[in-house]
Amino acid sequence: MTIIRFVNGSDAAVRLSVAETLAALQAKPGEAGFVELPGDDGPIHLRPSGVIALFSDARKGNAGFRMGASAAAD
């Protein structure tokens, strides 16, 4: 599993290894400039130019970043 970090700061998990994801992102995008990658909840369509980082994630749903607890309002 690979976690993709986008330029807007959001993340997406895909069901490919980092090497497979890199190969897919380097392939020529379709007519609209999007690449389709397999995600847990269905296909993810993204523009390769919008990706800034890839992280390997062996544990489903935990990329090892964005740690912290939210505070409850009183």
PDB file of N, CA and C in Angstrom:
ATOM      1  N   MET A   1       0.838  -1.167   0.000  1.00  0.00           N
ATOM      2  CA  MET A   1       0.000   0.000   0.000  1.00  0.00           C
ATOM      3  C   MET A   1       0.893   1.242   0.000  1.00  0.00           C
ATOM      4  N   THR A   2       0.458   2.255  -0.707  1.00  0.00           N
ATOM      5  CA  THR A   2       1.186   3.517  -0.805  1.00  0.00           C
ATOM      6  C   THR A   2       0.258   4.670  -0.440  1.00  0.00           C
ATOM      7  N   ILE A   3       0.792   5.623   0.299  1.00  0.00           N
ATOM      8  CA  ILE A   3       0.076   6.846   0.611  1.00  0.00           C
ATOM      9  C   ILE A   3       0.610   7.944  -0.302  1.00  0.00           C
ATOM     10  N   ILE A   4      -0.289   8.642  -0.967  1.00  0.00           N
ATOM     11  CA  ILE A   4       0.083   9.731  -1.879  1.00  0.00           C
ATOM     12  C   ILE A   4      -0.224  11.051  -1.189  1.00  0.00           C
ATOM     13  N   ARG A   5       0.741  11.966  -1.161  1.00  0.00           N
ATOM     14  CA  ARG A   5       0.544  13.316  -0.608  1.00  0.00           C
ATOM     15  C   ARG A   5       0.394  14.265  -1.784  1.00  0.00           C
ATOM     16  N   PHE A   6      -0.685  15.053  -1.779  1.00  0.00           N
ATOM     17  CA  PHE A   6      -0.972  16.008  -2.846  1.00  0.00           C
ATOM     18  C   PHE A   6      -0.496  17.411  -2.483  1.00  0.00           C
ATOM     19  N   VAL A   7      -0.383  18.269  -3.478  1.00  0.00           N
ATOM     20  CA  VAL A   7       0.081  19.636  -3.256  1.00  0.00           C
ATOM     21  C   VAL A   7      -0.838  20.415  -2.320  1.00  0.00           C
ATOM     22  N   ASN A   8      -2.105  20.038  -2.228  1.00  0.00           N
ATOM     23  CA  ASN A   8      -3.034  20.736  -1.330  1.00  0.00           C
ATOM     24  C   ASN A   8      -2.965  20.204   0.098  1.00  0.00           C
ATOM     25  N   GLY A   9      -2.075  19.237   0.365  1.00  0.00           N
ATOM     26  CA  GLY A   9      -1.890  18.708   1.709  1.00  0.00           C
ATOM     27  C   GLY A   9      -2.731  17.495   2.030  1.00  0.00           C
ATOM     28  N   SER A  10      -3.639  17.095   1.156  1.00  0.00           N
ATOM     29  CA  SER A  10      -4.454  15.922   1.424  1.00  0.00           C
ATOM     30  C   SER A  10      -3.693  14.654   1.034  1.00  0.00           C
ATOM     31  N   ASP A  11      -4.184  13.518   1.507  1.00  0.00           N
ATOM     32  CA  ASP A  11      -3.550  12.228   1.266  1.00  0.00           C
ATOM     33  C   ASP A  11      -4.565  11.249   0.693  1.00  0.00           C
ATOM     34  N   ALA A  12      -4.057  10.257  -0.026  1.00  0.00           N
ATOM     35  CA  ALA A  12      -4.896   9.175  -0.533  1.00  0.00           C
ATOM     36  C   ALA A  12      -4.098   7.888  -0.477  1.00  0.00           C
ATOM     37  N   ALA A  13      -4.762   6.785  -0.147  1.00  0.00           N
ATOM     38  CA  ALA A  13      -4.117   5.476  -0.098  1.00  0.00           C
ATOM     39  C   ALA A  13      -4.461   4.697  -1.364  1.00  0.00           C
ATOM     40  N   VAL A  14      -3.454   4.080  -1.970  1.00  0.00           N
ATOM     41  CA  VAL A  14      -3.678   3.246  -3.151  1.00  0.00           C
ATOM     42  C   VAL A  14      -3.151   1.842  -2.886  1.00  0.00           C
ATOM     43  N   ARG A  15      -3.730   0.880  -3.559  1.00  0.00           N
ATOM     44  CA  ARG A  15      -3.384  -0.526  -3.365  1.00  0.00           C
ATOM     45  C   ARG A  15      -2.265  -0.960  -4.306  1.00  0.00           C
ATOM     46  N   LEU A  16      -1.209  -0.192  -4.350  1.00  0.00           N
ATOM     47  CA  LEU A  16      -0.031  -0.514  -5.156  1.00  0.00           C
ATOM     48  C   LEU A  16       1.209  -0.281  -4.306  1.00  0.00           C
ATOM     49  N   SER A  17       2.313  -0.910  -4.699  1.00  0.00           N
ATOM     50  CA  SER A  17       3.575  -0.616  -4.026  1.00  0.00           C
ATOM     51  C   SER A  17       4.063   0.755  -4.477  1.00  0.00           C
ATOM     52  N   VAL A  18       5.064   1.287  -3.795  1.00  0.00           N
ATOM     53  CA  VAL A  18       5.617   2.591  -4.182  1.00  0.00           C
ATOM     54  C   VAL A  18       6.161   2.527  -5.608  1.00  0.00           C
ATOM     55  N   ALA A  19       6.876   1.449  -5.950  1.00  0.00           N
ATOM     56  CA  ALA A  19       7.435   1.306  -7.304  1.00  0.00           C
ATOM     57  C   ALA A  19       6.332   1.254  -8.360  1.00  0.00           C
ATOM     58  N   GLU A  20       5.260   0.516  -8.094  1.00  0.00           N
ATOM     59  CA  GLU A  20       4.142   0.434  -9.045  1.00  0.00           C
ATOM     60  C   GLU A  20       3.444   1.782  -9.190  1.00  0.00           C
ATOM     61  N   THR A  21       3.315   2.504  -8.091  1.00  0.00           N
ATOM     62  CA  THR A  21       2.679   3.823  -8.124  1.00  0.00           C
ATOM     63  C   THR A  21       3.526   4.805  -8.920  1.00  0.00           C
ATOM     64  N   LEU A  22       4.839   4.788  -8.696  1.00  0.00           N
ATOM     65  CA  LEU A  22       5.737   5.653  -9.475  1.00  0.00           C
ATOM     66  C   LEU A  22       5.626   5.358 -10.963  1.00  0.00           C
ATOM     67  N   ALA A  23       5.606   4.085 -11.329  1.00  0.00           N
ATOM     68  CA  ALA A  23       5.491   3.706 -12.741  1.00  0.00           C
ATOM     69  C   ALA A  23       4.177   4.201 -13.333  1.00  0.00           C
ATOM     70  N   ALA A  24       3.087   4.077 -12.574  1.00  0.00           N
ATOM     71  CA  ALA A  24       1.780   4.532 -13.059  1.00  0.00           C
ATOM     72  C   ALA A  24       1.754   6.043 -13.228  1.00  0.00           C
ATOM     73  N   LEU A  25       2.386   6.786 -12.316  1.00  0.00           N
ATOM     74  CA  LEU A  25       2.397   8.244 -12.401  1.00  0.00           C
ATOM     75  C   LEU A  25       3.283   8.749 -13.538  1.00  0.00           C
ATOM     76  N   GLN A  26       4.287   7.969 -13.924  1.00  0.00           N
ATOM     77  CA  GLN A  26       5.181   8.377 -14.996  1.00  0.00           C
ATOM     78  C   GLN A  26       4.654   8.000 -16.375  1.00  0.00           C
ATOM     79  N   ALA A  27       3.634   7.146 -16.415  1.00  0.00           N
ATOM     80  CA  ALA A  27       3.010   6.785 -17.684  1.00  0.00           C
ATOM     81  C   ALA A  27       2.270   7.997 -18.235  1.00  0.00           C
ATOM     82  N   LYS A  28       2.088   8.023 -19.529  1.00  0.00           N
ATOM     83  CA  LYS A  28       1.384   9.147 -20.153  1.00  0.00           C
ATOM     84  C   LYS A  28      -0.065   9.179 -19.684  1.00  0.00           C
ATOM     85  N   PRO A  29      -0.491  10.297 -19.069  1.00  0.00           N
ATOM     86  CA  PRO A  29      -1.877  10.397 -18.600  1.00  0.00           C
ATOM     87  C   PRO A  29      -2.872  10.330 -19.760  1.00  0.00           C
ATOM     88  N   GLY A  30      -4.110  10.027 -19.424  1.00  0.00           N
ATOM     89  CA  GLY A  30      -5.172   9.975 -20.425  1.00  0.00           C
ATOM     90  C   GLY A  30      -5.470  11.341 -21.002  1.00  0.00           C
ATOM     91  N   GLU A  31      -6.511  11.415 -21.793  1.00  0.00           N
ATOM     92  CA  GLU A  31      -6.873  12.647 -22.496  1.00  0.00           C
ATOM     93  C   GLU A  31      -7.077  13.836 -21.558  1.00  0.00           C
ATOM     94  N   ALA A  32      -7.649  13.601 -20.388  1.00  0.00           N
ATOM     95  CA  ALA A  32      -7.915  14.690 -19.457  1.00  0.00           C
ATOM     96  C   ALA A  32      -6.722  14.979 -18.539  1.00  0.00           C
ATOM     97  N   GLY A  33      -5.627  14.234 -18.695  1.00  0.00           N
ATOM     98  CA  GLY A  33      -4.457  14.439 -17.857  1.00  0.00           C
ATOM     99  C   GLY A  33      -4.523  13.713 -16.529  1.00  0.00           C
ATOM    100  N   PHE A  34      -5.465  12.787 -16.383  1.00  0.00           N
ATOM    101  CA  PHE A  34      -5.634  12.049 -15.138  1.00  0.00           C
ATOM    102  C   PHE A  34      -5.099  10.631 -15.264  1.00  0.00           C
ATOM    103  N   VAL A  35      -4.659  10.082 -14.128  1.00  0.00           N
ATOM    104  CA  VAL A  35      -4.256   8.687 -14.022  1.00  0.00           C
ATOM    105  C   VAL A  35      -5.219   8.037 -13.036  1.00  0.00           C
ATOM    106  N   GLU A  36      -5.623   6.815 -13.312  1.00  0.00           N
ATOM    107  CA  GLU A  36      -6.513   6.080 -12.408  1.00  0.00           C
ATOM    108  C   GLU A  36      -5.709   5.059 -11.633  1.00  0.00           C
ATOM    109  N   LEU A  37      -5.821   5.087 -10.298  1.00  0.00           N
ATOM    110  CA  LEU A  37      -5.120   4.149  -9.427  1.00  0.00           C
ATOM    111  C   LEU A  37      -6.137   3.452  -8.538  1.00  0.00           C
ATOM    112  N   PRO A  38      -5.883   2.182  -8.159  1.00  0.00           N
ATOM    113  CA  PRO A  38      -6.839   1.454  -7.321  1.00  0.00           C
ATOM    114  C   PRO A  38      -6.762   1.883  -5.857  1.00  0.00           C
ATOM    115  N   GLY A  39      -7.868   2.320  -5.306  1.00  0.00           N
ATOM    116  CA  GLY A  39      -7.947   2.699  -3.894  1.00  0.00           C
ATOM    117  C   GLY A  39      -8.807   1.722  -3.129  1.00  0.00           C
ATOM    118  N   ASP A  40      -8.838   1.835  -1.820  1.00  0.00           N
ATOM    119  CA  ASP A  40      -9.653   0.940  -0.991  1.00  0.00           C
ATOM    120  C   ASP A  40     -11.139   1.109  -1.254  1.00  0.00           C
ATOM    121  N   ASP A  41     -11.570   2.323  -1.528  1.00  0.00           N
ATOM    122  CA  ASP A  41     -12.986   2.599  -1.740  1.00  0.00           C
ATOM    123  C   ASP A  41     -13.344   2.776  -3.207  1.00  0.00           C
ATOM    124  N   GLY A  42     -12.519   2.262  -4.098  1.00  0.00           N
ATOM    125  CA  GLY A  42     -12.741   2.401  -5.530  1.00  0.00           C
ATOM    126  C   GLY A  42     -11.595   3.129  -6.184  1.00  0.00           C
ATOM    127  N   PRO A  43     -11.680   3.358  -7.484  1.00  0.00           N
ATOM    128  CA  PRO A  43     -10.572   4.006  -8.198  1.00  0.00           C
ATOM    129  C   PRO A  43     -10.366   5.452  -7.778  1.00  0.00           C
ATOM    130  N   ILE A  44      -9.102   5.872  -7.798  1.00  0.00           N
ATOM    131  CA  ILE A  44      -8.723   7.249  -7.501  1.00  0.00           C
ATOM    132  C   ILE A  44      -8.212   7.863  -8.789  1.00  0.00           C
ATOM    133  N   HIS A  45      -8.761   8.998  -9.183  1.00  0.00           N
ATOM    134  CA  HIS A  45      -8.326   9.708 -10.380  1.00  0.00           C
ATOM    135  C   HIS A  45      -7.529  10.933  -9.932  1.00  0.00           C
ATOM    136  N   LEU A  46      -6.304  11.049 -10.425  1.00  0.00           N
ATOM    137  CA  LEU A  46      -5.455  12.153 -10.015  1.00  0.00           C
ATOM    138  C   LEU A  46      -4.577  12.615 -11.162  1.00  0.00           C
ATOM    139  N   ARG A  47      -4.123  13.843 -11.043  1.00  0.00           N
ATOM    140  CA  ARG A  47      -3.156  14.384 -12.000  1.00  0.00           C
ATOM    141  C   ARG A  47      -1.769  14.161 -11.427  1.00  0.00           C
ATOM    142  N   PRO A  48      -0.854  13.549 -12.168  1.00  0.00           N
ATOM    143  CA  PRO A  48       0.497  13.317 -11.659  1.00  0.00           C
ATOM    144  C   PRO A  48       1.192  14.598 -11.193  1.00  0.00           C
ATOM    145  N   SER A  49       0.894  15.736 -11.811  1.00  0.00           N
ATOM    146  CA  SER A  49       1.522  16.993 -11.412  1.00  0.00           C
ATOM    147  C   SER A  49       1.073  17.449 -10.029  1.00  0.00           C
ATOM    148  N   GLY A  50      -0.008  16.879  -9.505  1.00  0.00           N
ATOM    149  CA  GLY A  50      -0.506  17.251  -8.187  1.00  0.00           C
ATOM    150  C   GLY A  50       0.077  16.444  -7.045  1.00  0.00           C
ATOM    151  N   VAL A  51       0.954  15.474  -7.360  1.00  0.00           N
ATOM    152  CA  VAL A  51       1.546  14.618  -6.343  1.00  0.00           C
ATOM    153  C   VAL A  51       2.900  15.174  -5.936  1.00  0.00           C
ATOM    154  N   ILE A  52       3.136  15.307  -4.619  1.00  0.00           N
ATOM    155  CA  ILE A  52       4.436  15.805  -4.170  1.00  0.00           C
ATOM    156  C   ILE A  52       5.241  14.758  -3.419  1.00  0.00           C
ATOM    157  N   ALA A  53       4.594  13.687  -2.919  1.00  0.00           N
ATOM    158  CA  ALA A  53       5.337  12.667  -2.179  1.00  0.00           C
ATOM    159  C   ALA A  53       4.576  11.355  -2.170  1.00  0.00           C
ATOM    160  N   LEU A  54       5.339  10.261  -2.029  1.00  0.00           N
ATOM    161  CA  LEU A  54       4.785   8.926  -1.877  1.00  0.00           C
ATOM    162  C   LEU A  54       5.371   8.318  -0.614  1.00  0.00           C
ATOM    163  N   PHE A  55       4.526   7.644   0.175  1.00  0.00           N
ATOM    164  CA  PHE A  55       4.966   6.997   1.403  1.00  0.00           C
ATOM    165  C   PHE A  55       4.543   5.539   1.372  1.00  0.00           C
ATOM    166  N   SER A  56       5.442   4.659   1.740  1.00  0.00           N
ATOM    167  CA  SER A  56       5.098   3.254   1.869  1.00  0.00           C
ATOM    168  C   SER A  56       4.346   3.056   3.172  1.00  0.00           C
ATOM    169  N   ASP A  57       3.256   2.311   3.130  1.00  0.00           N
ATOM    170  CA  ASP A  57       2.443   2.083   4.319  1.00  0.00           C
ATOM    171  C   ASP A  57       2.077   0.612   4.391  1.00  0.00           C
ATOM    172  N   ALA A  58       2.728  -0.126   5.279  1.00  0.00           N
ATOM    173  CA  ALA A  58       2.460  -1.551   5.424  1.00  0.00           C
ATOM    174  C   ALA A  58       1.206  -1.804   6.261  1.00  0.00           C
ATOM    175  N   ARG A  59       0.821  -0.839   7.081  1.00  0.00           N
ATOM    176  CA  ARG A  59      -0.364  -0.981   7.920  1.00  0.00           C
ATOM    177  C   ARG A  59      -1.500  -0.174   7.323  1.00  0.00           C
ATOM    178  N   LYS A  60      -2.571  -0.824   6.982  1.00  0.00           N
ATOM    179  CA  LYS A  60      -3.717  -0.169   6.348  1.00  0.00           C
ATOM    180  C   LYS A  60      -4.244   0.975   7.209  1.00  0.00           C
ATOM    181  N   GLY A  61      -4.365   2.156   6.604  1.00  0.00           N
ATOM    182  CA  GLY A  61      -4.977   3.286   7.269  1.00  0.00           C
ATOM    183  C   GLY A  61      -4.066   4.099   8.165  1.00  0.00           C
ATOM    184  N   ASN A  62      -2.775   3.789   8.215  1.00  0.00           N
ATOM    185  CA  ASN A  62      -1.869   4.561   9.071  1.00  0.00           C
ATOM    186  C   ASN A  62      -0.597   4.855   8.303  1.00  0.00           C
ATOM    187  N   ALA A  63      -0.438   6.084   7.869  1.00  0.00           N
ATOM    188  CA  ALA A  63       0.711   6.456   7.062  1.00  0.00           C
ATOM    189  C   ALA A  63       1.889   6.923   7.890  1.00  0.00           C
ATOM    190  N   GLY A  64       1.753   7.042   9.181  1.00  0.00           N
ATOM    191  CA  GLY A  64       2.864   7.435  10.016  1.00  0.00           C
ATOM    192  C   GLY A  64       3.043   8.943  10.145  1.00  0.00           C
ATOM    193  N   PHE A  65       2.094   9.719   9.686  1.00  0.00           N
ATOM    194  CA  PHE A  65       2.150  11.158   9.851  1.00  0.00           C
ATOM    195  C   PHE A  65       0.761  11.656  10.203  1.00  0.00           C
ATOM    196  N   ARG A  66       0.640  12.956  10.420  1.00  0.00           N
ATOM    197  CA  ARG A  66      -0.611  13.560  10.878  1.00  0.00           C
ATOM    198  C   ARG A  66      -1.000  13.025  12.255  1.00  0.00           C
ATOM    199  N   MET A  67      -0.032  12.978  13.148  1.00  0.00           N
ATOM    200  CA  MET A  67      -0.267  12.494  14.484  1.00  0.00           C
ATOM    201  C   MET A  67      -0.766  13.650  15.352  1.00  0.00           C
ATOM    202  N   GLY A  68      -1.589  13.360  16.286  1.00  0.00           N
ATOM    203  CA  GLY A  68      -2.077  14.375  17.213  1.00  0.00           C
ATOM    204  C   GLY A  68      -3.499  14.081  17.637  1.00  0.00           C
ATOM    205  N   ALA A  69      -3.852  14.553  18.802  1.00  0.00           N
ATOM    206  CA  ALA A  69      -5.203  14.350  19.321  1.00  0.00           C
ATOM    207  C   ALA A  69      -5.993  15.629  19.179  1.00  0.00           C
ATOM    208  N   SER A  70      -7.245  15.506  18.863  1.00  0.00           N
ATOM    209  CA  SER A  70      -8.093  16.686  18.772  1.00  0.00           C
ATOM    210  C   SER A  70      -8.635  17.009  20.158  1.00  0.00           C
ATOM    211  N   ALA A  71      -8.779  18.270  20.443  1.00  0.00           N
ATOM    212  CA  ALA A  71      -9.280  18.720  21.752  1.00  0.00           C
ATOM    213  C   ALA A  71     -10.788  18.877  21.688  1.00  0.00           C
ATOM    214  N   ALA A  72     -11.459  18.433  22.699  1.00  0.00           N
ATOM    215  CA  ALA A  72     -12.913  18.570  22.761  1.00  0.00           C
ATOM    216  C   ALA A  72     -13.256  19.953  23.312  1.00  0.00           C
ATOM    217  N   ALA A  73     -14.258  20.576  22.737  1.00  0.00           N
ATOM    218  CA  ALA A  73     -14.703  21.891  23.213  1.00  0.00           C
ATOM    219  C   ALA A  73     -15.511  21.728  24.487  1.00  0.00           C
ATOM    220  N   ASP A  74     -15.305  22.598  25.442  1.00  0.00           N
ATOM    221  CA  ASP A  74     -16.049  22.544  26.710  1.00  0.00           C
ATOM    222  C   ASP A  74     -17.346  23.291  26.617  1.00  0.00           C
TER     223      ASP A  74
END
